[in-house]
Protein backbone atom coordinates (compact mmCIF):
# COMPACT_ATOMS: atom_id res chain seq x y z
CA MET A 1 -11.60 148.66 -42.98
CA ASP A 2 -12.99 145.94 -45.20
CA ARG A 3 -16.72 145.50 -44.58
CA THR A 4 -17.46 142.98 -47.32
CA LYS A 5 -18.23 139.41 -46.39
CA ARG A 6 -16.48 136.58 -48.15
CA PHE A 7 -17.16 132.92 -48.68
CA GLY A 8 -15.28 130.52 -46.43
CA LEU A 9 -15.74 127.72 -43.95
CA GLY A 10 -18.44 129.70 -42.13
CA SER A 11 -20.48 129.71 -45.33
CA PHE A 12 -20.46 125.91 -45.20
CA SER A 13 -22.69 126.02 -42.09
CA LEU A 14 -25.78 126.82 -44.16
CA VAL A 15 -24.94 123.96 -46.54
CA LEU A 16 -24.66 121.56 -43.59
CA PHE A 17 -28.02 122.79 -42.29
CA LEU A 18 -29.65 122.19 -45.68
CA VAL A 19 -28.17 118.69 -45.96
CA SER A 20 -29.36 117.88 -42.43
CA SER A 21 -32.85 119.17 -43.23
CA ILE A 22 -33.05 117.09 -46.38
CA LEU A 23 -31.89 113.97 -44.54
CA LEU A 24 -34.46 114.58 -41.80
CA PHE A 25 -37.56 115.79 -43.64
CA ALA A 26 -37.42 114.62 -47.28
CA SER A 27 -39.28 111.35 -47.78
CA ASP A 28 -40.56 109.13 -50.52
CA LYS A 29 -44.04 107.70 -50.99
CA GLY A 30 -43.24 104.86 -48.57
CA TYR A 31 -42.63 107.47 -45.86
CA ASN A 32 -38.96 106.57 -45.50
CA SER A 33 -36.82 109.66 -44.92
CA ALA A 34 -33.81 110.34 -47.08
CA GLY A 35 -31.60 109.68 -44.06
CA GLU A 36 -33.09 106.23 -43.53
CA TYR A 37 -32.68 105.42 -47.22
CA LEU A 38 -29.06 106.60 -47.25
CA LEU A 39 -28.18 104.62 -44.12
CA LYS A 40 -29.82 101.47 -45.53
CA LEU A 41 -27.89 102.00 -48.77
CA VAL A 42 -24.59 102.21 -46.87
CA GLY A 43 -25.58 99.28 -44.67
CA LEU A 44 -25.65 101.02 -41.29
CA ASN A 45 -28.36 100.05 -38.85
CA VAL A 46 -28.60 103.28 -36.81
CA HIS A 47 -31.18 106.03 -36.50
CA GLU A 48 -30.72 108.97 -38.88
CA LEU A 49 -30.45 111.38 -35.94
CA VAL A 50 -27.05 109.84 -35.21
CA ILE A 51 -25.88 111.49 -38.44
CA ILE A 52 -28.02 114.64 -38.36
CA VAL A 53 -27.19 115.91 -34.86
CA PRO A 54 -23.39 115.88 -35.41
CA LEU A 55 -23.87 117.64 -38.76
CA LEU A 56 -25.87 120.36 -37.02
CA LEU A 57 -23.29 120.66 -34.25
CA VAL A 58 -20.51 121.08 -36.84
CA ALA A 59 -22.64 123.74 -38.59
CA VAL A 60 -23.06 125.66 -35.33
CA PHE A 61 -19.34 125.36 -34.58
CA LEU A 62 -18.31 126.62 -38.02
CA ALA A 63 -20.75 129.52 -37.88
CA ARG A 64 -19.47 130.59 -34.45
CA LYS A 65 -15.83 130.17 -35.43
CA PHE A 66 -16.16 132.22 -38.63
CA PRO A 67 -18.91 134.82 -37.98
CA THR A 68 -17.74 137.19 -40.73
CA HIS A 69 -18.22 134.73 -43.58
CA PHE A 70 -21.16 134.94 -45.96
CA PHE A 71 -24.27 132.94 -44.84
CA SER A 72 -22.63 132.18 -41.50
CA LYS A 73 -25.27 133.90 -39.38
CA SER A 74 -28.19 132.32 -41.22
CA GLY A 75 -26.56 128.90 -40.91
CA LEU A 76 -26.04 129.47 -37.18
CA ILE A 77 -29.62 130.54 -36.53
CA SER A 78 -31.18 127.81 -38.69
CA SER A 79 -29.00 125.05 -37.26
CA SER A 80 -29.60 126.20 -33.70
CA ILE A 81 -33.37 126.23 -34.19
CA LEU A 82 -33.44 122.74 -35.74
CA LEU A 83 -31.06 121.37 -33.11
CA GLY A 84 -33.19 122.87 -30.33
CA PHE A 85 -36.32 121.40 -31.92
CA ILE A 86 -34.77 117.92 -32.10
CA LEU A 87 -33.44 118.07 -28.54
CA THR A 88 -36.78 119.34 -27.19
CA LEU A 89 -38.67 116.50 -28.85
CA ALA A 90 -36.12 113.99 -27.57
CA LEU A 91 -36.51 115.33 -24.04
CA ILE A 92 -40.31 115.16 -24.24
CA ASP A 93 -40.08 111.57 -25.52
CA LEU A 94 -37.71 110.66 -22.70
CA ILE A 95 -40.03 112.14 -20.08
CA LEU A 96 -43.07 110.35 -21.54
CA ARG A 97 -41.23 107.04 -21.59
CA PHE A 98 -40.05 107.58 -18.02
CA ILE A 99 -43.52 108.17 -16.64
CA GLY A 100 -44.85 105.26 -18.68
CA LEU A 101 -47.36 106.93 -20.99
CA PHE A 102 -45.99 105.37 -24.18
């Protein structure tokens, strides 16, 4: 029985998580995130979460599909935590807008 892990598509889940994190959190001195800058550069007028959430969903899918690949579990856990964080904040914002506080 081969117990060694190998690199594969499941390993790509951690890379997708890191790219998503950079697009979401990295910013310049003007407080524009890297995702906003990249979307302005391409010419798209959408929020950066439109790109980040699908990237995280693909990372979770790849990690679940290939659980024996190297870095697959860490990509799954990290992506799930960030995705849960984003969805929780979106739900809180939706509730606050619904009751009219902001």
